[in-house]
Amino acid sequence: MKTIEENEQKHSYMLSSGRSDSYSETLLKRQLSKVFPAKFEHLSFVSSTIADFYCEKAKLIIELESKVPDWAGESFLSDDRCKELKSKGFSIIKVSNYDIFNNIKGVMNNIEHEMKLKLG
């Protein structure tokens, strides 16, 4: 459950960055809601950063690779952040826009496979 502070930070981030959902985010969000209803949150705070999609129960982060920097001014999945998140038990799946547009079925199969590994 998100706190009021987290919701305010997310809203502030969206406004200050001029950010709105990209077309690839919208497509992935639709697919996730069909296959995993109510399991993934979009733009969630995870370990003091923002993940594109996050499943708390599975500790699974889905990050869309794009050229848009995050609010800290660097790529979300820098090597240091990736190592830090993995050391805390998070799994991370990177998804390219190309794959969302050209291989959404493969993307969803990959996510489903990781969910089964994490949740059994």
Protein backbone atom coordinates (compact mmCIF):
# COMPACT_ATOMS: atom_id res chain seq x y z
CA MET A 1 0.00 0.00 0.00
CA LYS A 2 1.41 3.36 -0.98
CA THR A 3 1.74 6.06 1.61
CA ILE A 4 0.42 9.54 1.00
CA GLU A 5 4.02 10.76 0.86
CA GLU A 6 4.91 8.23 -1.87
CA ASN A 7 1.90 9.26 -3.94
CA GLU A 8 2.81 12.93 -3.55
CA GLN A 9 6.44 12.22 -4.55
CA LYS A 10 5.31 10.25 -7.59
CA HIS A 11 2.92 13.02 -8.61
CA SER A 12 5.63 15.65 -8.08
CA TYR A 13 8.10 13.58 -10.13
CA MET A 14 5.63 13.24 -13.00
CA LEU A 15 4.92 16.99 -13.02
CA SER A 16 8.51 18.20 -12.61
CA SER A 17 9.90 15.90 -15.28
CA GLY A 18 7.09 16.60 -17.72
CA ARG A 19 6.77 12.83 -17.84
CA SER A 20 3.78 10.98 -19.18
CA ASP A 21 3.46 7.32 -20.07
CA SER A 22 5.19 6.39 -23.28
CA TYR A 23 3.41 4.27 -25.85
CA SER A 24 5.58 1.28 -24.89
CA GLU A 25 4.66 1.74 -21.20
CA THR A 26 0.98 1.86 -22.10
CA LEU A 27 1.24 -1.35 -24.15
CA LEU A 28 3.12 -3.19 -21.41
CA LYS A 29 0.74 -1.90 -18.74
CA ARG A 30 -2.23 -3.31 -20.69
CA GLN A 31 -0.56 -6.71 -21.11
CA LEU A 32 0.45 -6.90 -17.45
CA SER A 33 -3.08 -6.06 -16.31
CA LYS A 34 -4.49 -8.84 -18.53
CA VAL A 35 -2.03 -11.55 -17.49
CA PHE A 36 -1.28 -10.48 -13.91
CA PRO A 37 -4.25 -8.44 -12.69
CA ALA A 38 -3.43 -6.29 -9.64
CA LYS A 39 0.09 -7.72 -9.31
CA PHE A 40 2.20 -4.96 -10.89
CA GLU A 41 2.26 -1.30 -9.92
CA HIS A 42 3.36 1.28 -12.44
CA LEU A 43 6.03 3.79 -11.34
CA SER A 44 6.56 2.43 -7.84
CA PHE A 45 9.09 3.48 -5.27
CA VAL A 46 11.56 0.66 -4.71
CA SER A 47 14.56 1.11 -2.44
CA SER A 48 14.48 4.93 -2.80
CA THR A 49 14.15 4.97 -6.59
CA ILE A 50 11.31 4.66 -9.09
CA ALA A 51 10.75 1.40 -10.97
CA ASP A 52 8.72 1.39 -14.19
CA PHE A 53 6.76 -1.68 -13.04
CA TYR A 54 7.02 -3.52 -9.74
CA CYS A 55 5.47 -6.65 -8.24
CA GLU A 56 5.95 -6.45 -4.48
CA LYS A 57 5.06 -10.07 -3.75
CA ALA A 58 7.68 -11.40 -6.19
CA LYS A 59 10.15 -8.53 -5.60
CA LEU A 60 10.28 -8.26 -9.39
CA ILE A 61 11.15 -5.03 -11.19
CA ILE A 62 10.46 -4.52 -14.89
CA GLU A 63 12.42 -1.68 -16.35
CA LEU A 64 11.85 -0.30 -19.81
CA GLU A 65 15.08 0.62 -21.50
CA SER A 66 14.77 4.06 -22.95
CA LYS A 67 16.78 7.17 -23.49
CA VAL A 68 14.75 9.12 -20.92
CA PRO A 69 16.75 9.69 -17.73
CA ASP A 70 15.12 9.27 -14.36
CA TRP A 71 14.61 12.03 -11.85
CA ALA A 72 18.15 11.60 -10.43
CA GLY A 73 19.58 12.39 -13.84
CA GLU A 74 20.97 8.95 -14.64
CA SER A 75 19.74 5.66 -16.03
CA PHE A 76 17.70 3.76 -13.45
CA LEU A 77 19.57 0.55 -13.92
CA SER A 78 23.12 1.70 -13.57
CA ASP A 79 25.43 -1.13 -12.58
CA ASP A 80 25.63 0.15 -9.01
CA ARG A 81 21.87 0.40 -8.58
CA CYS A 82 21.32 -2.97 -10.20
CA LYS A 83 23.82 -4.61 -7.84
CA GLU A 84 22.26 -2.86 -4.85
CA LEU A 85 18.74 -3.98 -5.75
CA LYS A 86 19.84 -7.54 -6.46
CA SER A 87 21.66 -7.67 -3.11
CA LYS A 88 18.34 -6.82 -1.47
CA GLY A 89 16.62 -9.75 -3.19
CA PHE A 90 15.02 -7.96 -6.14
CA SER A 91 14.93 -9.50 -9.60
CA ILE A 92 15.15 -7.16 -12.56
CA ILE A 93 13.93 -7.65 -16.10
CA LYS A 94 15.04 -5.12 -18.69
CA VAL A 95 12.71 -4.76 -21.65
CA SER A 96 13.48 -2.80 -24.78
CA ASN A 97 10.89 -0.75 -26.63
CA TYR A 98 11.74 -2.80 -29.71
CA ASP A 99 10.70 -6.02 -27.94
CA ILE A 100 7.48 -4.48 -26.66
CA PHE A 101 6.51 -3.47 -30.20
CA ASN A 102 7.81 -6.55 -32.01
CA ASN A 103 7.79 -9.40 -29.49
CA ILE A 104 5.29 -8.64 -26.73
CA LYS A 105 4.46 -12.34 -26.45
CA GLY A 106 8.13 -13.14 -25.75
CA VAL A 107 8.30 -10.31 -23.21
CA MET A 108 5.24 -11.65 -21.40
CA ASN A 109 6.62 -15.22 -21.48
CA ASN A 110 9.85 -13.96 -19.88
CA ILE A 111 7.91 -12.11 -17.15
CA GLU A 112 5.69 -15.13 -16.53
CA HIS A 113 8.76 -17.39 -16.25
CA GLU A 114 10.37 -15.06 -13.69
CA MET A 115 7.12 -14.84 -11.72
CA LYS A 116 6.95 -18.65 -11.52
CA LEU A 117 10.57 -18.78 -10.31
CA LYS A 118 9.89 -16.20 -7.62
CA LEU A 119 6.45 -17.33 -6.47
CA GLY A 120 6.47 -21.03 -7.32
